[in-house]
Amino acid sequence: MFDIGFWELLLVAIIGLLVLGPERLPSALRSLQRGIQGLKSYGSKVQAELQHELRIKELHEHLAKAEQLNMEQLPAELQRSVVELKAAAAAVQRPYAKPSNSPAVAPNDETPPL
């Protein structure tokens, strides 16, 4: 990634020692290390999210193919993708679905305590 050799690294360390001094150099290196670790974790989170989005896009493409073809003539991979996509859609819609067995209550109505 960075084309830094031994002598360049040694020069940077000597300049850091001269600028920061021996008291503040270790804490500066630790904070630099924490910053690099934070960037790496952020990069891995972004990568995981992109892979997730690509998987969703792939499932949508499979569903579009399934709609064009007869469902009985689909390959097994497409049938699995359709089932996964339907399950994901049901899971997303579940929290927003109205309960079918409870009566509708107006917001100002008071219900008696049990």
C-alpha atoms as a PDB file:
ATOM      1  CA  MET A   1       0.000   0.000   0.000  1.00  0.00           C
ATOM      2  CA  PHE A   2       2.616   2.531   1.078  1.00  0.00           C
ATOM      3  CA  ASP A   3       6.029   2.213  -0.489  1.00  0.00           C
ATOM      4  CA  ILE A   4       8.020   3.025   2.641  1.00  0.00           C
ATOM      5  CA  GLY A   5      11.364   1.357   3.161  1.00  0.00           C
ATOM      6  CA  PHE A   6      13.412   0.922   6.312  1.00  0.00           C
ATOM      7  CA  TRP A   7      15.393   4.161   5.908  1.00  0.00           C
ATOM      8  CA  GLU A   8      12.284   6.267   5.285  1.00  0.00           C
ATOM      9  CA  LEU A   9      10.634   4.753   8.350  1.00  0.00           C
ATOM     10  CA  LEU A  10      13.746   5.429  10.430  1.00  0.00           C
ATOM     11  CA  LEU A  11      13.788   9.053   9.229  1.00  0.00           C
ATOM     12  CA  VAL A  12      10.124   9.513  10.188  1.00  0.00           C
ATOM     13  CA  ALA A  13      10.809   7.994  13.629  1.00  0.00           C
ATOM     14  CA  ILE A  14      13.755  10.344  14.230  1.00  0.00           C
ATOM     15  CA  ILE A  15      11.724  13.388  13.153  1.00  0.00           C
ATOM     16  CA  GLY A  16       8.852  12.258  15.398  1.00  0.00           C
ATOM     17  CA  LEU A  17      11.249  11.857  18.306  1.00  0.00           C
ATOM     18  CA  LEU A  18      12.675  15.329  17.729  1.00  0.00           C
ATOM     19  CA  VAL A  19       9.283  17.033  17.295  1.00  0.00           C
ATOM     20  CA  LEU A  20       7.292  15.251  20.006  1.00  0.00           C
ATOM     21  CA  GLY A  21      10.013  14.322  22.422  1.00  0.00           C
ATOM     22  CA  PRO A  22      10.471  11.052  24.271  1.00  0.00           C
ATOM     23  CA  GLU A  23       7.580  11.752  26.696  1.00  0.00           C
ATOM     24  CA  ARG A  24       4.816  12.274  24.137  1.00  0.00           C
ATOM     25  CA  LEU A  25       5.998   9.928  21.364  1.00  0.00           C
ATOM     26  CA  PRO A  26       4.588   6.681  22.875  1.00  0.00           C
ATOM     27  CA  SER A  27       1.139   8.213  23.452  1.00  0.00           C
ATOM     28  CA  ALA A  28       1.161   9.666  19.927  1.00  0.00           C
ATOM     29  CA  LEU A  29       2.007   6.240  18.501  1.00  0.00           C
ATOM     30  CA  ARG A  30      -0.805   4.628  20.533  1.00  0.00           C
ATOM     31  CA  SER A  31      -3.321   7.195  19.299  1.00  0.00           C
ATOM     32  CA  LEU A  32      -2.090   6.665  15.741  1.00  0.00           C
ATOM     33  CA  GLN A  33      -2.533   2.913  16.194  1.00  0.00           C
ATOM     34  CA  ARG A  34      -6.096   3.407  17.528  1.00  0.00           C
ATOM     35  CA  GLY A  35      -6.886   5.634  14.552  1.00  0.00           C
ATOM     36  CA  ILE A  36      -5.611   3.045  12.088  1.00  0.00           C
ATOM     37  CA  GLN A  37      -7.606   0.303  13.832  1.00  0.00           C
ATOM     38  CA  GLY A  38     -10.712   2.499  13.678  1.00  0.00           C
ATOM     39  CA  LEU A  39     -10.224   3.019   9.955  1.00  0.00           C
ATOM     40  CA  LYS A  40      -9.768  -0.713   9.416  1.00  0.00           C
ATOM     41  CA  SER A  41     -12.939  -1.544  11.352  1.00  0.00           C
ATOM     42  CA  TYR A  42     -14.867   1.113   9.439  1.00  0.00           C
ATOM     43  CA  GLY A  43     -13.566  -0.329   6.173  1.00  0.00           C
ATOM     44  CA  SER A  44     -14.623  -3.840   7.133  1.00  0.00           C
ATOM     45  CA  LYS A  45     -18.102  -2.600   8.117  1.00  0.00           C
ATOM     46  CA  VAL A  46     -18.474  -0.820   4.783  1.00  0.00           C
ATOM     47  CA  GLN A  47     -17.283  -3.923   2.954  1.00  0.00           C
ATOM     48  CA  ALA A  48     -19.783  -6.129   4.820  1.00  0.00           C
ATOM     49  CA  GLU A  49     -22.613  -3.702   4.061  1.00  0.00           C
ATOM     50  CA  LEU A  50     -21.696  -3.595   0.379  1.00  0.00           C
ATOM     51  CA  GLN A  51     -21.635  -7.397   0.217  1.00  0.00           C
ATOM     52  CA  HIS A  52     -25.060  -7.464   1.862  1.00  0.00           C
ATOM     53  CA  GLU A  53     -26.415  -4.946  -0.645  1.00  0.00           C
ATOM     54  CA  LEU A  54     -24.962  -6.921  -3.546  1.00  0.00           C
ATOM     55  CA  ARG A  55     -26.630 -10.081  -2.197  1.00  0.00           C
ATOM     56  CA  ILE A  56     -29.974  -8.276  -2.033  1.00  0.00           C
ATOM     57  CA  LYS A  57     -29.507  -6.992  -5.571  1.00  0.00           C
ATOM     58  CA  GLU A  58     -28.711 -10.524  -6.720  1.00  0.00           C
ATOM     59  CA  LEU A  59     -31.886 -11.823  -5.066  1.00  0.00           C
ATOM     60  CA  HIS A  60     -33.940  -9.116  -6.790  1.00  0.00           C
ATOM     61  CA  GLU A  61     -32.440 -10.114 -10.133  1.00  0.00           C
ATOM     62  CA  HIS A  62     -33.316 -13.751  -9.473  1.00  0.00           C
ATOM     63  CA  LEU A  63     -36.857 -12.741  -8.574  1.00  0.00           C
ATOM     64  CA  ALA A  64     -37.176 -10.777 -11.815  1.00  0.00           C
ATOM     65  CA  LYS A  65     -36.019 -13.853 -13.744  1.00  0.00           C
ATOM     66  CA  ALA A  66     -38.512 -15.982 -11.830  1.00  0.00           C
ATOM     67  CA  GLU A  67     -41.352 -13.674 -12.759  1.00  0.00           C
ATOM     68  CA  GLN A  68     -40.422 -13.959 -16.420  1.00  0.00           C
ATOM     69  CA  LEU A  69     -40.225 -17.753 -16.349  1.00  0.00           C
ATOM     70  CA  ASN A  70     -42.795 -20.235 -15.226  1.00  0.00           C
ATOM     71  CA  MET A  71     -42.163 -20.965 -11.524  1.00  0.00           C
ATOM     72  CA  GLU A  72     -42.239 -24.720 -12.130  1.00  0.00           C
ATOM     73  CA  GLN A  73     -39.468 -24.559 -14.713  1.00  0.00           C
ATOM     74  CA  LEU A  74     -37.020 -22.618 -12.548  1.00  0.00           C
ATOM     75  CA  PRO A  75     -33.630 -24.059 -11.685  1.00  0.00           C
ATOM     76  CA  ALA A  76     -33.133 -25.059  -8.057  1.00  0.00           C
ATOM     77  CA  GLU A  77     -30.884 -22.042  -7.365  1.00  0.00           C
ATOM     78  CA  LEU A  78     -33.548 -19.617  -8.533  1.00  0.00           C
ATOM     79  CA  GLN A  79     -36.246 -21.400  -6.530  1.00  0.00           C
ATOM     80  CA  ARG A  80     -34.111 -21.076  -3.374  1.00  0.00           C
ATOM     81  CA  SER A  81     -33.515 -17.397  -4.111  1.00  0.00           C
ATOM     82  CA  VAL A  82     -37.234 -16.768  -4.563  1.00  0.00           C
ATOM     83  CA  VAL A  83     -37.992 -18.480  -1.257  1.00  0.00           C
ATOM     84  CA  GLU A  84     -35.251 -16.459   0.509  1.00  0.00           C
ATOM     85  CA  LEU A  85     -36.509 -13.215  -0.969  1.00  0.00           C
ATOM     86  CA  LYS A  86     -40.100 -13.922   0.029  1.00  0.00           C
ATOM     87  CA  ALA A  87     -38.971 -14.770   3.567  1.00  0.00           C
ATOM     88  CA  ALA A  88     -36.931 -11.554   3.774  1.00  0.00           C
ATOM     89  CA  ALA A  89     -39.881  -9.512   2.518  1.00  0.00           C
ATOM     90  CA  ALA A  90     -42.187 -11.140   5.067  1.00  0.00           C
ATOM     91  CA  ALA A  91     -39.711 -10.456   7.865  1.00  0.00           C
ATOM     92  CA  VAL A  92     -39.490  -6.802   6.892  1.00  0.00           C
ATOM     93  CA  GLN A  93     -43.263  -6.396   6.643  1.00  0.00           C
ATOM     94  CA  ARG A  94     -44.056  -8.301   9.848  1.00  0.00           C
ATOM     95  CA  PRO A  95     -43.541  -5.380  12.295  1.00  0.00           C
ATOM     96  CA  TYR A  96     -45.839  -3.164  10.198  1.00  0.00           C
ATOM     97  CA  ALA A  97     -48.657  -5.653   9.700  1.00  0.00           C
ATOM     98  CA  LYS A  98     -51.929  -5.009  11.509  1.00  0.00           C
ATOM     99  CA  PRO A  99     -52.969  -7.763  13.918  1.00  0.00           C
ATOM    100  CA  SER A 100     -55.977  -9.488  12.384  1.00  0.00           C
ATOM    101  CA  ASN A 101     -57.575 -10.812  15.588  1.00  0.00           C
ATOM    102  CA  SER A 102     -57.602  -7.624  17.716  1.00  0.00           C
ATOM    103  CA  PRO A 103     -60.393  -5.081  17.296  1.00  0.00           C
ATOM    104  CA  ALA A 104     -59.547  -1.582  16.156  1.00  0.00           C
ATOM    105  CA  VAL A 105     -59.451   0.868  19.067  1.00  0.00           C
ATOM    106  CA  ALA A 106     -59.751   4.606  18.610  1.00  0.00           C
ATOM    107  CA  PRO A 107     -56.880   6.614  20.140  1.00  0.00           C
ATOM    108  CA  ASN A 108     -59.174   8.409  22.660  1.00  0.00           C
ATOM    109  CA  ASP A 109     -60.967   5.276  23.895  1.00  0.00           C
ATOM    110  CA  GLU A 110     -60.036   4.036  27.315  1.00  0.00           C
ATOM    111  CA  THR A 111     -59.911   0.328  27.946  1.00  0.00           C
ATOM    112  CA  PRO A 112     -60.948  -0.969  31.351  1.00  0.00           C
ATOM    113  CA  PRO A 113     -58.176  -2.510  33.475  1.00  0.00           C
ATOM    114  CA  LEU A 114     -58.056  -6.288  33.743  1.00  0.00           C
END
